[in-house]
Amino acid sequence: MAMYNTRSASKASLTGADAHSLDPKSELTNQLSSTLENLDDNSTVQGRDAKLLRDATAQAIVKVWTDTCTATALLTRKINEGNNALTEKLNASFSAVEDVMRARPVFLTEEQTANFLIGHLEGVAREKVEVEEPSESDKKSYDAIVAHLKAYFENPQQRYVARQQLSVCHQEQGETCSAFANRVLNLVRAATSGQDSTTQKERQAVTKAQMVEQLLSEAAAEKLMNPTKLAPEGLSLRGRNRRMSEGPAKCYNCGSVPIADSSYARQHDHMYAYS
């Protein structure tokens, strides 16, 4: 009797380490490779076997597609967050360099100012200046470097991402109105780059929010210091409520509810009758 080498036998001959080394993506292809593994090499494939293999293949493809979409969405979110953080850091770097230059007693030339700015740039911003687009003449101009970096980091794609984040921006738990306003201001600057700067610096709403926040904090402190006093224990209003629910008092002699004067006269008539 001839001996046939089956898929199950050949797979069983491999150790766990060898199988893992031969198939590094075993997590994704485990279900597909285990389908019909007990079928002999020279066996006839039935319709149900083909359908089972088709379903396993479809499930494996869907799983790979789902994992790819998830990884792509995560990568997109990280890139957007990194670009926004880089834009905020870039604006802070410009402000810091300008503060240092204003504090220097010696006047700097245009080229020295540009070199001073380049020395304070890091990461992608420095690569954009030293390696990529700007020409040698533009590298010696402070205004040209600033315009080039802003054109790259404040492009329409970055404005679109900033608008999307601004539409879902909300104040976090425990976040002060000042911190929230600064966060919104950075998004507004990124979303409205190239527009009127006076509109971007409008702080009237922030002033009102700070005033309301101060009033709320003072009211909360006052409530903690002077809590509302409760009614003393043992004090009951049931007797008073019962007397009020019973209605006006009735005459003891006749049981009617007359006017006070006539009741008083009738009471005296009864007293005279008994006397």
Protein backbone atom coordinates (compact mmCIF):
# COMPACT_ATOMS: atom_id res chain seq x y z
CA MET A 1 0.00 0.00 0.00
CA ALA A 2 1.41 3.34 -1.05
CA MET A 3 2.09 5.95 1.58
CA TYR A 4 0.94 9.48 0.77
CA ASN A 5 2.46 12.53 2.32
CA THR A 6 -0.39 14.69 3.54
CA ARG A 7 -0.37 18.37 4.38
CA SER A 8 -1.10 17.60 7.98
CA ALA A 9 1.80 15.22 8.25
CA SER A 10 4.23 17.59 6.61
CA LYS A 11 3.10 20.44 8.86
CA ALA A 12 3.34 18.29 11.96
CA SER A 13 6.96 17.50 11.14
CA LEU A 14 7.89 21.15 11.62
CA THR A 15 8.71 22.45 15.06
CA GLY A 16 7.01 25.51 16.49
CA ALA A 17 10.10 27.64 16.03
CA ASP A 18 10.56 26.53 12.41
CA ALA A 19 6.93 27.20 11.55
CA HIS A 20 7.16 30.64 13.10
CA SER A 21 10.34 31.44 11.22
CA LEU A 22 8.94 30.21 7.88
CA ASP A 23 5.69 32.14 8.31
CA PRO A 24 6.30 35.50 10.02
CA LYS A 25 2.71 36.61 9.29
CA SER A 26 1.14 33.55 10.89
CA GLU A 27 -1.31 35.70 12.83
CA LEU A 28 -2.96 36.91 9.63
CA THR A 29 -2.72 33.67 7.62
CA ASN A 30 -3.39 31.17 10.41
CA GLN A 31 -7.04 30.67 9.55
CA LEU A 32 -6.33 30.46 5.82
CA SER A 33 -3.48 27.96 6.16
CA SER A 34 -5.40 25.75 8.59
CA THR A 35 -8.30 25.37 6.15
CA LEU A 36 -8.40 21.91 4.49
CA GLU A 37 -5.13 20.95 6.16
CA ASN A 38 -6.41 17.38 6.69
CA LEU A 39 -7.05 16.94 2.96
CA ASP A 40 -4.66 14.61 1.12
CA ASP A 41 -2.58 15.85 -1.78
CA ASN A 42 -4.27 13.56 -4.32
CA SER A 43 -7.80 13.84 -2.91
CA THR A 44 -10.65 15.19 -4.97
CA VAL A 45 -11.76 18.64 -3.92
CA GLN A 46 -15.50 18.78 -3.35
CA GLY A 47 -17.72 21.82 -3.71
CA ARG A 48 -18.01 22.32 0.02
CA ASP A 49 -14.20 22.25 0.31
CA ALA A 50 -13.86 24.97 -2.33
CA LYS A 51 -16.52 27.04 -0.59
CA LEU A 52 -14.73 26.65 2.74
CA LEU A 53 -11.46 27.73 1.16
CA ARG A 54 -13.19 30.70 -0.49
CA ASP A 55 -14.71 31.85 2.80
CA ALA A 56 -11.39 31.54 4.62
CA THR A 57 -9.64 33.53 1.88
CA ALA A 58 -12.28 36.26 1.99
CA GLN A 59 -12.02 36.52 5.78
CA ALA A 60 -8.23 36.77 5.59
CA ILE A 61 -8.45 39.53 2.95
CA VAL A 62 -11.00 41.46 5.01
CA LYS A 63 -8.81 41.17 8.11
CA VAL A 64 -5.75 42.44 6.25
CA TRP A 65 -7.79 45.32 4.77
CA THR A 66 -9.20 46.26 8.19
CA ASP A 67 -5.76 46.22 9.81
CA THR A 68 -4.36 48.32 6.98
CA CYS A 69 -7.13 50.93 7.30
CA THR A 70 -6.63 51.10 11.06
CA ALA A 71 -2.87 51.54 10.73
CA THR A 72 -3.32 54.19 8.02
CA ALA A 73 -5.82 56.16 10.11
CA LEU A 74 -3.50 56.03 13.12
CA LEU A 75 -0.55 57.18 11.02
CA THR A 76 -2.59 60.04 9.55
CA ARG A 77 -3.65 61.19 13.01
CA LYS A 78 -0.07 61.10 14.29
CA ILE A 79 1.17 63.05 11.27
CA ASN A 80 -1.50 65.71 11.73
CA GLU A 81 -0.75 66.02 15.44
CA GLY A 82 2.97 66.24 14.73
CA ASN A 83 2.48 68.93 12.10
CA ASN A 84 0.30 71.02 14.41
CA ALA A 85 2.79 70.70 17.25
CA LEU A 86 5.60 71.60 14.86
CA THR A 87 3.71 74.67 13.65
CA GLU A 88 3.13 75.87 17.21
CA LYS A 89 6.79 75.24 18.06
CA LEU A 90 7.86 77.07 14.91
CA ASN A 91 5.88 80.18 15.87
CA ALA A 92 7.33 79.99 19.36
CA SER A 93 10.84 79.75 17.87
CA PHE A 94 10.25 82.86 15.77
CA SER A 95 9.08 84.77 18.83
CA ALA A 96 12.02 83.58 20.94
CA VAL A 97 14.56 84.56 18.28
CA GLU A 98 13.00 88.00 17.89
CA ASP A 99 13.06 88.50 21.67
CA VAL A 100 16.75 87.59 21.82
CA MET A 101 17.60 89.88 18.92
CA ARG A 102 15.76 92.79 20.52
CA ALA A 103 17.68 92.23 23.75
CA ARG A 104 21.09 92.31 22.04
CA PRO A 105 22.82 95.68 22.33
CA VAL A 106 24.62 95.22 18.99
CA PHE A 107 22.71 95.70 15.75
CA LEU A 108 22.73 92.58 13.54
CA THR A 109 22.88 92.61 9.78
CA GLU A 110 20.31 90.78 7.64
CA GLU A 111 22.64 87.83 7.07
CA GLN A 112 23.56 87.59 10.76
CA THR A 113 19.88 87.64 11.69
CA ALA A 114 19.15 84.84 9.21
CA ASN A 115 22.05 82.75 10.54
CA PHE A 116 20.88 83.36 14.09
CA LEU A 117 17.41 82.08 13.16
CA ILE A 118 18.79 79.01 11.39
CA GLY A 119 20.84 78.17 14.47
CA HIS A 120 17.66 78.00 16.56
CA LEU A 121 15.71 75.79 14.14
CA GLU A 122 15.41 72.05 14.68
CA GLY A 123 14.14 68.96 12.89
CA VAL A 124 12.10 69.35 9.71
CA ALA A 125 12.22 73.15 9.83
CA ARG A 126 16.01 73.16 9.71
CA GLU A 127 16.08 70.60 6.91
CA LYS A 128 13.73 72.78 4.88
CA VAL A 129 16.14 75.68 5.19
CA GLU A 130 19.53 73.97 4.92
CA VAL A 131 18.88 71.08 2.52
CA GLU A 132 15.83 71.85 0.39
CA GLU A 133 14.29 74.71 -1.56
CA PRO A 134 15.82 78.06 -0.48
CA SER A 135 18.64 79.39 -2.62
CA GLU A 136 21.87 80.69 -1.19
CA SER A 137 20.67 84.27 -1.47
CA ASP A 138 17.39 83.45 0.31
CA LYS A 139 19.29 81.77 3.13
CA LYS A 140 20.88 85.13 3.90
CA SER A 141 17.51 86.88 4.29
CA TYR A 142 15.56 86.55 7.52
CA ASP A 143 12.26 87.52 5.89
CA ALA A 144 12.77 85.03 3.06
CA ILE A 145 13.39 82.17 5.49
CA VAL A 146 10.34 83.04 7.57
CA ALA A 147 8.16 83.32 4.46
CA HIS A 148 9.44 79.98 3.15
CA LEU A 149 8.76 78.13 6.40
CA LYS A 150 5.31 79.64 6.80
CA ALA A 151 4.44 78.75 3.21
CA TYR A 152 5.35 75.13 3.93
CA PHE A 153 3.80 74.70 7.38
CA GLU A 154 0.74 76.88 6.73
CA ASN A 155 -0.31 75.37 3.40
CA PRO A 156 -3.97 74.61 2.52
CA GLN A 157 -3.66 71.07 3.84
CA GLN A 158 -2.54 72.34 7.24
CA ARG A 159 -5.36 74.89 7.26
CA TYR A 160 -7.87 72.15 6.50
CA VAL A 161 -6.54 69.98 9.34
CA ALA A 162 -6.64 72.97 11.71
CA ARG A 163 -10.26 73.69 10.74
CA GLN A 164 -11.22 70.08 11.41
CA GLN A 165 -9.59 70.19 14.84
CA LEU A 166 -11.17 73.56 15.58
CA SER A 167 -14.64 72.18 14.81
CA VAL A 168 -14.28 69.48 17.49
CA CYS A 169 -12.22 71.49 19.98
CA HIS A 170 -13.73 71.67 23.47
CA GLN A 171 -12.56 72.57 26.94
CA GLU A 172 -11.10 69.62 28.81
CA GLN A 173 -11.98 68.70 32.38
CA GLY A 174 -10.06 70.96 34.77
CA GLU A 175 -8.64 73.13 31.96
CA THR A 176 -8.71 76.85 32.68
CA CYS A 177 -10.32 79.22 30.23
CA SER A 178 -6.94 80.88 29.59
CA ALA A 179 -5.26 77.61 28.59
CA PHE A 180 -8.25 76.68 26.45
CA ALA A 181 -8.22 80.10 24.79
CA ASN A 182 -4.52 79.79 23.96
CA ARG A 183 -5.12 76.35 22.45
CA VAL A 184 -7.99 77.69 20.37
CA LEU A 185 -5.89 80.70 19.35
CA ASN A 186 -3.17 78.44 17.94
CA LEU A 187 -5.76 76.53 15.92
CA VAL A 188 -7.34 79.77 14.70
CA ARG A 189 -3.97 81.10 13.58
CA ALA A 190 -3.27 77.87 11.70
CA ALA A 191 -6.75 77.81 10.15
CA THR A 192 -6.76 81.49 9.15
CA SER A 193 -3.14 81.95 8.14
CA GLY A 194 -2.70 84.84 5.75
CA GLN A 195 -5.76 86.72 6.98
CA ASP A 196 -6.10 89.81 9.14
CA SER A 197 -3.88 89.48 12.20
CA THR A 198 -6.03 91.82 14.30
CA THR A 199 -8.92 89.37 14.04
CA GLN A 200 -6.68 86.55 15.19
CA LYS A 201 -5.62 88.55 18.24
CA GLU A 202 -9.16 89.39 19.37
CA ARG A 203 -9.35 88.68 23.10
CA GLN A 204 -12.71 90.18 24.10
CA ALA A 205 -14.38 86.78 24.42
CA VAL A 206 -11.46 85.50 26.49
CA THR A 207 -11.79 88.46 28.87
CA LYS A 208 -15.48 87.73 29.38
CA ALA A 209 -14.77 84.03 29.92
CA GLN A 210 -12.12 84.84 32.52
CA MET A 211 -14.54 87.15 34.34
CA VAL A 212 -17.25 84.46 34.40
CA GLU A 213 -14.76 81.85 35.56
CA GLN A 214 -13.62 84.15 38.38
CA LEU A 215 -17.21 84.75 39.49
CA LEU A 216 -17.97 81.03 39.46
CA SER A 217 -14.86 80.21 41.49
CA GLU A 218 -15.72 82.90 44.05
CA ALA A 219 -19.30 81.59 44.31
CA ALA A 220 -18.03 78.05 44.82
CA ALA A 221 -15.65 79.20 47.56
CA GLU A 222 -18.44 81.15 49.26
CA LYS A 223 -20.69 78.11 49.17
CA LEU A 224 -17.98 75.97 50.76
CA MET A 225 -17.36 78.52 53.52
CA ASN A 226 -21.05 79.19 54.23
CA PRO A 227 -23.09 76.10 53.40
CA THR A 228 -26.88 76.30 53.49
CA LYS A 229 -28.24 75.72 57.02
CA LEU A 230 -30.73 72.89 57.38
CA ALA A 231 -33.77 72.91 59.68
CA PRO A 232 -32.94 71.79 63.27
CA GLU A 233 -33.64 68.17 63.99
CA GLY A 234 -36.76 67.52 66.07
CA LEU A 235 -38.62 70.54 64.71
CA SER A 236 -41.87 69.33 63.21
CA LEU A 237 -44.50 71.31 61.40
CA ARG A 238 -47.04 68.51 61.40
CA GLY A 239 -49.21 70.06 64.13
CA ARG A 240 -49.42 73.37 62.30
CA ASN A 241 -50.12 71.66 59.03
CA ARG A 242 -52.86 69.56 60.63
CA ARG A 243 -54.57 72.63 62.09
CA MET A 244 -54.38 74.36 58.74
CA SER A 245 -55.79 71.33 56.92
CA GLU A 246 -58.76 71.07 59.28
CA GLY A 247 -60.06 74.47 58.16
CA PRO A 248 -61.54 77.19 60.36
CA ALA A 249 -62.50 76.38 63.95
CA LYS A 250 -66.14 75.42 64.61
CA CYS A 251 -68.37 76.67 67.40
CA TYR A 252 -68.16 74.39 70.47
CA ASN A 253 -71.86 74.81 71.32
CA CYS A 254 -73.65 74.61 67.96
CA GLY A 255 -70.96 73.11 65.70
CA SER A 256 -71.41 75.72 62.97
CA VAL A 257 -68.89 78.07 61.43
CA PRO A 258 -70.59 81.46 61.70
CA ILE A 259 -69.16 84.91 61.74
CA ALA A 260 -67.26 85.63 64.88
CA ASP A 261 -69.78 88.15 66.25
CA SER A 262 -72.88 86.01 65.69
CA SER A 263 -71.13 82.94 67.13
CA TYR A 264 -70.21 84.95 70.19
CA ALA A 265 -73.84 86.10 70.57
CA ARG A 266 -75.20 82.57 70.11
CA GLN A 267 -72.72 81.30 72.67
CA HIS A 268 -74.01 83.80 75.19
CA ASP A 269 -77.63 82.78 74.39
CA HIS A 270 -76.78 79.17 75.22
CA MET A 271 -75.15 80.27 78.43
CA TYR A 272 -78.25 82.25 79.45
CA ALA A 273 -80.54 79.35 78.58
CA TYR A 274 -78.67 76.97 80.89
CA SER A 275 -78.47 79.54 83.61
